[in-house]
Amino acid sequence: MVAIINGIATVAALLTFLGIVWWAFSRGRADANQEASMLPFAVPDERLTSKNEGGSHE
């Protein structure tokens, strides 16, 4: 009986994973994925902000 429950849980987890992958790479998310991929470049450079905060040792 435990093996059947484990099998059902495994299949449910696999289907959930495949559903998330399908959703993440669907054409409707292309714009959101492009925007999210550019987020690291929208943050100011740490070297420039630390110099402007004072206490720089040059």
PDB file of N, CA and C in Angstrom:
ATOM      1  N   MET A   1       0.825  -1.205   0.000  1.00  0.00           N
ATOM      2  CA  MET A   1       0.000   0.000   0.000  1.00  0.00           C
ATOM      3  C   MET A   1       0.871   1.272   0.000  1.00  0.00           C
ATOM      4  N   VAL A   2       1.974   1.236   0.747  1.00  0.00           N
ATOM      5  CA  VAL A   2       2.857   2.398   0.809  1.00  0.00           C
ATOM      6  C   VAL A   2       3.499   2.649  -0.551  1.00  0.00           C
ATOM      7  N   ALA A   3       3.820   1.585  -1.285  1.00  0.00           N
ATOM      8  CA  ALA A   3       4.439   1.739  -2.600  1.00  0.00           C
ATOM      9  C   ALA A   3       3.495   2.430  -3.575  1.00  0.00           C
ATOM     10  N   ILE A   4       2.213   2.138  -3.481  1.00  0.00           N
ATOM     11  CA  ILE A   4       1.225   2.781  -4.363  1.00  0.00           C
ATOM     12  C   ILE A   4       1.146   4.275  -4.057  1.00  0.00           C
ATOM     13  N   ILE A   5       1.141   4.619  -2.776  1.00  0.00           N
ATOM     14  CA  ILE A   5       1.085   6.031  -2.387  1.00  0.00           C
ATOM     15  C   ILE A   5       2.351   6.749  -2.838  1.00  0.00           C
ATOM     16  N   ASN A   6       3.507   6.106  -2.687  1.00  0.00           N
ATOM     17  CA  ASN A   6       4.754   6.700  -3.167  1.00  0.00           C
ATOM     18  C   ASN A   6       4.734   6.893  -4.674  1.00  0.00           C
ATOM     19  N   GLY A   7       4.198   5.941  -5.403  1.00  0.00           N
ATOM     20  CA  GLY A   7       4.104   6.060  -6.857  1.00  0.00           C
ATOM     21  C   GLY A   7       3.198   7.200  -7.272  1.00  0.00           C
ATOM     22  N   ILE A   8       2.059   7.323  -6.604  1.00  0.00           N
ATOM     23  CA  ILE A   8       1.120   8.406  -6.913  1.00  0.00           C
ATOM     24  C   ILE A   8       1.751   9.761  -6.590  1.00  0.00           C
ATOM     25  N   ALA A   9       2.454   9.854  -5.459  1.00  0.00           N
ATOM     26  CA  ALA A   9       3.103  11.107  -5.089  1.00  0.00           C
ATOM     27  C   ALA A   9       4.205  11.457  -6.089  1.00  0.00           C
ATOM     28  N   THR A  10       4.937  10.457  -6.564  1.00  0.00           N
ATOM     29  CA  THR A  10       5.997  10.698  -7.539  1.00  0.00           C
ATOM     30  C   THR A  10       5.425  11.206  -8.855  1.00  0.00           C
ATOM     31  N   VAL A  11       4.363  10.589  -9.312  1.00  0.00           N
ATOM     32  CA  VAL A  11       3.726  11.017 -10.562  1.00  0.00           C
ATOM     33  C   VAL A  11       3.161  12.433 -10.413  1.00  0.00           C
ATOM     34  N   ALA A  12       2.547  12.725  -9.265  1.00  0.00           N
ATOM     35  CA  ALA A  12       2.004  14.064  -9.035  1.00  0.00           C
ATOM     36  C   ALA A  12       3.120  15.105  -9.016  1.00  0.00           C
ATOM     37  N   ALA A  13       4.244  14.779  -8.377  1.00  0.00           N
ATOM     38  CA  ALA A  13       5.375  15.716  -8.337  1.00  0.00           C
ATOM     39  C   ALA A  13       5.960  15.926  -9.727  1.00  0.00           C
ATOM     40  N   LEU A  14       6.068  14.857 -10.508  1.00  0.00           N
ATOM     41  CA  LEU A  14       6.593  14.972 -11.868  1.00  0.00           C
ATOM     42  C   LEU A  14       5.677  15.836 -12.731  1.00  0.00           C
ATOM     43  N   LEU A  15       4.385  15.613 -12.635  1.00  0.00           N
ATOM     44  CA  LEU A  15       3.433  16.416 -13.413  1.00  0.00           C
ATOM     45  C   LEU A  15       3.470  17.884 -12.990  1.00  0.00           C
ATOM     46  N   THR A  16       3.617  18.129 -11.706  1.00  0.00           N
ATOM     47  CA  THR A  16       3.727  19.506 -11.218  1.00  0.00           C
ATOM     48  C   THR A  16       4.984  20.167 -11.765  1.00  0.00           C
ATOM     49  N   PHE A  17       6.109  19.454 -11.713  1.00  0.00           N
ATOM     50  CA  PHE A  17       7.362  19.985 -12.239  1.00  0.00           C
ATOM     51  C   PHE A  17       7.243  20.281 -13.730  1.00  0.00           C
ATOM     52  N   LEU A  18       6.702  19.354 -14.486  1.00  0.00           N
ATOM     53  CA  LEU A  18       6.560  19.567 -15.933  1.00  0.00           C
ATOM     54  C   LEU A  18       5.619  20.724 -16.230  1.00  0.00           C
ATOM     55  N   GLY A  19       4.579  20.881 -15.419  1.00  0.00           N
ATOM     56  CA  GLY A  19       3.664  22.017 -15.586  1.00  0.00           C
ATOM     57  C   GLY A  19       4.356  23.343 -15.345  1.00  0.00           C
ATOM     58  N   ILE A  20       5.196  23.405 -14.330  1.00  0.00           N
ATOM     59  CA  ILE A  20       5.926  24.641 -14.047  1.00  0.00           C
ATOM     60  C   ILE A  20       6.916  24.956 -15.166  1.00  0.00           C
ATOM     61  N   VAL A  21       7.606  23.937 -15.669  1.00  0.00           N
ATOM     62  CA  VAL A  21       8.550  24.145 -16.776  1.00  0.00           C
ATOM     63  C   VAL A  21       7.800  24.630 -18.009  1.00  0.00           C
ATOM     64  N   TRP A  22       6.672  24.018 -18.320  1.00  0.00           N
ATOM     65  CA  TRP A  22       5.871  24.427 -19.484  1.00  0.00           C
ATOM     66  C   TRP A  22       5.419  25.874 -19.321  1.00  0.00           C
ATOM     67  N   TRP A  23       4.957  26.229 -18.113  1.00  0.00           N
ATOM     68  CA  TRP A  23       4.494  27.594 -17.869  1.00  0.00           C
ATOM     69  C   TRP A  23       5.642  28.586 -17.998  1.00  0.00           C
ATOM     70  N   ALA A  24       6.806  28.250 -17.428  1.00  0.00           N
ATOM     71  CA  ALA A  24       7.936  29.180 -17.411  1.00  0.00           C
ATOM     72  C   ALA A  24       8.465  29.467 -18.811  1.00  0.00           C
ATOM     73  N   PHE A  25       8.407  28.482 -19.704  1.00  0.00           N
ATOM     74  CA  PHE A  25       8.963  28.663 -21.042  1.00  0.00           C
ATOM     75  C   PHE A  25       7.894  28.873 -22.110  1.00  0.00           C
ATOM     76  N   SER A  26       6.653  29.126 -21.692  1.00  0.00           N
ATOM     77  CA  SER A  26       5.591  29.349 -22.673  1.00  0.00           C
ATOM     78  C   SER A  26       5.790  30.692 -23.374  1.00  0.00           C
ATOM     79  N   ARG A  27       5.234  30.808 -24.554  1.00  0.00           N
ATOM     80  CA  ARG A  27       5.393  32.044 -25.343  1.00  0.00           C
ATOM     81  C   ARG A  27       4.782  33.251 -24.652  1.00  0.00           C
ATOM     82  N   GLY A  28       3.747  33.066 -23.870  1.00  0.00           N
ATOM     83  CA  GLY A  28       3.098  34.181 -23.178  1.00  0.00           C
ATOM     84  C   GLY A  28       3.983  34.821 -22.119  1.00  0.00           C
ATOM     85  N   ARG A  29       4.996  34.118 -21.654  1.00  0.00           N
ATOM     86  CA  ARG A  29       5.892  34.645 -20.632  1.00  0.00           C
ATOM     87  C   ARG A  29       7.172  35.214 -21.219  1.00  0.00           C
ATOM     88  N   ALA A  30       7.300  35.249 -22.524  1.00  0.00           N
ATOM     89  CA  ALA A  30       8.541  35.698 -23.153  1.00  0.00           C
ATOM     90  C   ALA A  30       8.905  37.123 -22.729  1.00  0.00           C
ATOM     91  N   ASP A  31       7.944  38.026 -22.717  1.00  0.00           N
ATOM     92  CA  ASP A  31       8.232  39.413 -22.338  1.00  0.00           C
ATOM     93  C   ASP A  31       8.640  39.513 -20.872  1.00  0.00           C
ATOM     94  N   ALA A  32       7.937  38.789 -20.000  1.00  0.00           N
ATOM     95  CA  ALA A  32       8.276  38.824 -18.575  1.00  0.00           C
ATOM     96  C   ALA A  32       9.646  38.206 -18.332  1.00  0.00           C
ATOM     97  N   ASN A  33       9.969  37.150 -19.044  1.00  0.00           N
ATOM     98  CA  ASN A  33      11.284  36.527 -18.898  1.00  0.00           C
ATOM     99  C   ASN A  33      12.391  37.463 -19.379  1.00  0.00           C
ATOM    100  N   GLN A  34      12.147  38.172 -20.458  1.00  0.00           N
ATOM    101  CA  GLN A  34      13.137  39.131 -20.970  1.00  0.00           C
ATOM    102  C   GLN A  34      13.357  40.254 -19.969  1.00  0.00           C
ATOM    103  N   GLU A  35      12.269  40.759 -19.407  1.00  0.00           N
ATOM    104  CA  GLU A  35      12.381  41.830 -18.411  1.00  0.00           C
ATOM    105  C   GLU A  35      13.132  41.339 -17.171  1.00  0.00           C
ATOM    106  N   ALA A  36      12.823  40.140 -16.713  1.00  0.00           N
ATOM    107  CA  ALA A  36      13.490  39.590 -15.530  1.00  0.00           C
ATOM    108  C   ALA A  36      14.970  39.338 -15.787  1.00  0.00           C
ATOM    109  N   SER A  37      15.314  38.990 -17.008  1.00  0.00           N
ATOM    110  CA  SER A  37      16.722  38.723 -17.307  1.00  0.00           C
ATOM    111  C   SER A  37      17.562  39.998 -17.296  1.00  0.00           C
ATOM    112  N   MET A  38      16.931  41.145 -17.444  1.00  0.00           N
ATOM    113  CA  MET A  38      17.667  42.405 -17.445  1.00  0.00           C
ATOM    114  C   MET A  38      17.745  43.048 -16.058  1.00  0.00           C
ATOM    115  N   LEU A  39      17.082  42.500 -15.046  1.00  0.00           N
ATOM    116  CA  LEU A  39      17.075  43.093 -13.717  1.00  0.00           C
ATOM    117  C   LEU A  39      18.472  43.236 -13.098  1.00  0.00           C
ATOM    118  N   PRO A  40      19.369  42.277 -13.225  1.00  0.00           N
ATOM    119  CA  PRO A  40      20.690  42.469 -12.620  1.00  0.00           C
ATOM    120  C   PRO A  40      21.442  43.673 -13.181  1.00  0.00           C
ATOM    121  N   PHE A  41      21.141  44.058 -14.390  1.00  0.00           N
ATOM    122  CA  PHE A  41      21.829  45.185 -15.014  1.00  0.00           C
ATOM    123  C   PHE A  41      21.196  46.518 -14.658  1.00  0.00           C
ATOM    124  N   ALA A  42      20.027  46.502 -14.016  1.00  0.00           N
ATOM    125  CA  ALA A  42      19.348  47.732 -13.625  1.00  0.00           C
ATOM    126  C   ALA A  42      19.861  48.250 -12.290  1.00  0.00           C
ATOM    127  N   VAL A  43      20.623  47.439 -11.560  1.00  0.00           N
ATOM    128  CA  VAL A  43      21.165  47.829 -10.265  1.00  0.00           C
ATOM    129  C   VAL A  43      22.431  48.641 -10.497  1.00  0.00           C
ATOM    130  N   PRO A  44      22.594  49.742  -9.771  1.00  0.00           N
ATOM    131  CA  PRO A  44      23.809  50.535  -9.956  1.00  0.00           C
ATOM    132  C   PRO A  44      25.047  49.740  -9.544  1.00  0.00           C
ATOM    133  N   ASP A  45      26.148  50.071 -10.138  1.00  0.00           N
ATOM    134  CA  ASP A  45      27.408  49.390  -9.853  1.00  0.00           C
ATOM    135  C   ASP A  45      27.821  49.653  -8.406  1.00  0.00           C
ATOM    136  N   GLU A  46      28.213  48.606  -7.681  1.00  0.00           N
ATOM    137  CA  GLU A  46      28.565  48.752  -6.266  1.00  0.00           C
ATOM    138  C   GLU A  46      29.793  49.628  -6.071  1.00  0.00           C
ATOM    139  N   ARG A  47      30.752  49.548  -6.974  1.00  0.00           N
ATOM    140  CA  ARG A  47      31.959  50.364  -6.833  1.00  0.00           C
ATOM    141  C   ARG A  47      31.628  51.843  -6.909  1.00  0.00           C
ATOM    142  N   LEU A  48      30.712  52.221  -7.772  1.00  0.00           N
ATOM    143  CA  LEU A  48      30.370  53.634  -7.923  1.00  0.00           C
ATOM    144  C   LEU A  48      29.593  54.138  -6.720  1.00  0.00           C
ATOM    145  N   THR A  49      28.687  53.345  -6.187  1.00  0.00           N
ATOM    146  CA  THR A  49      27.887  53.799  -5.044  1.00  0.00           C
ATOM    147  C   THR A  49      28.719  53.848  -3.776  1.00  0.00           C
ATOM    148  N   SER A  50      29.682  52.944  -3.597  1.00  0.00           N
ATOM    149  CA  SER A  50      30.481  52.977  -2.374  1.00  0.00           C
ATOM    150  C   SER A  50      31.405  54.193  -2.357  1.00  0.00           C
ATOM    151  N   LYS A  51      31.869  54.653  -3.502  1.00  0.00           N
ATOM    152  CA  LYS A  51      32.721  55.848  -3.552  1.00  0.00           C
ATOM    153  C   LYS A  51      31.919  57.097  -3.220  1.00  0.00           C
ATOM    154  N   ASN A  52      30.661  57.119  -3.606  1.00  0.00           N
ATOM    155  CA  ASN A  52      29.839  58.294  -3.374  1.00  0.00           C
ATOM    156  C   ASN A  52      29.334  58.382  -1.937  1.00  0.00           C
ATOM    157  N   GLU A  53      29.451  57.307  -1.161  1.00  0.00           N
ATOM    158  CA  GLU A  53      28.956  57.315   0.206  1.00  0.00           C
ATOM    159  C   GLU A  53      29.969  57.910   1.183  1.00  0.00           C
ATOM    160  N   GLY A  54      31.116  58.264   0.725  1.00  0.00           N
ATOM    161  CA  GLY A  54      32.149  58.785   1.601  1.00  0.00           C
ATOM    162  C   GLY A  54      32.943  57.639   2.202  1.00  0.00           C
ATOM    163  N   GLY A  55      34.056  57.960   2.788  1.00  0.00           N
ATOM    164  CA  GLY A  55      34.872  56.934   3.400  1.00  0.00           C
ATOM    165  C   GLY A  55      35.638  56.104   2.393  1.00  0.00           C
ATOM    166  N   SER A  56      35.794  56.606   1.173  1.00  0.00           N
ATOM    167  CA  SER A  56      36.585  55.866   0.192  1.00  0.00           C
ATOM    168  C   SER A  56      38.044  56.097   0.482  1.00  0.00           C
ATOM    169  N   HIS A  57      38.825  55.041   0.326  1.00  0.00           N
ATOM    170  CA  HIS A  57      40.255  55.115   0.599  1.00  0.00           C
ATOM    171  C   HIS A  57      41.016  54.936  -0.690  1.00  0.00           C
ATOM    172  N   GLU A  58      41.325  56.027  -1.340  1.00  0.00           N
ATOM    173  CA  GLU A  58      42.045  55.939  -2.623  1.00  0.00           C
ATOM    174  C   GLU A  58      43.489  56.229  -2.462  1.00  0.00           C
TER     175      GLU A  58
END
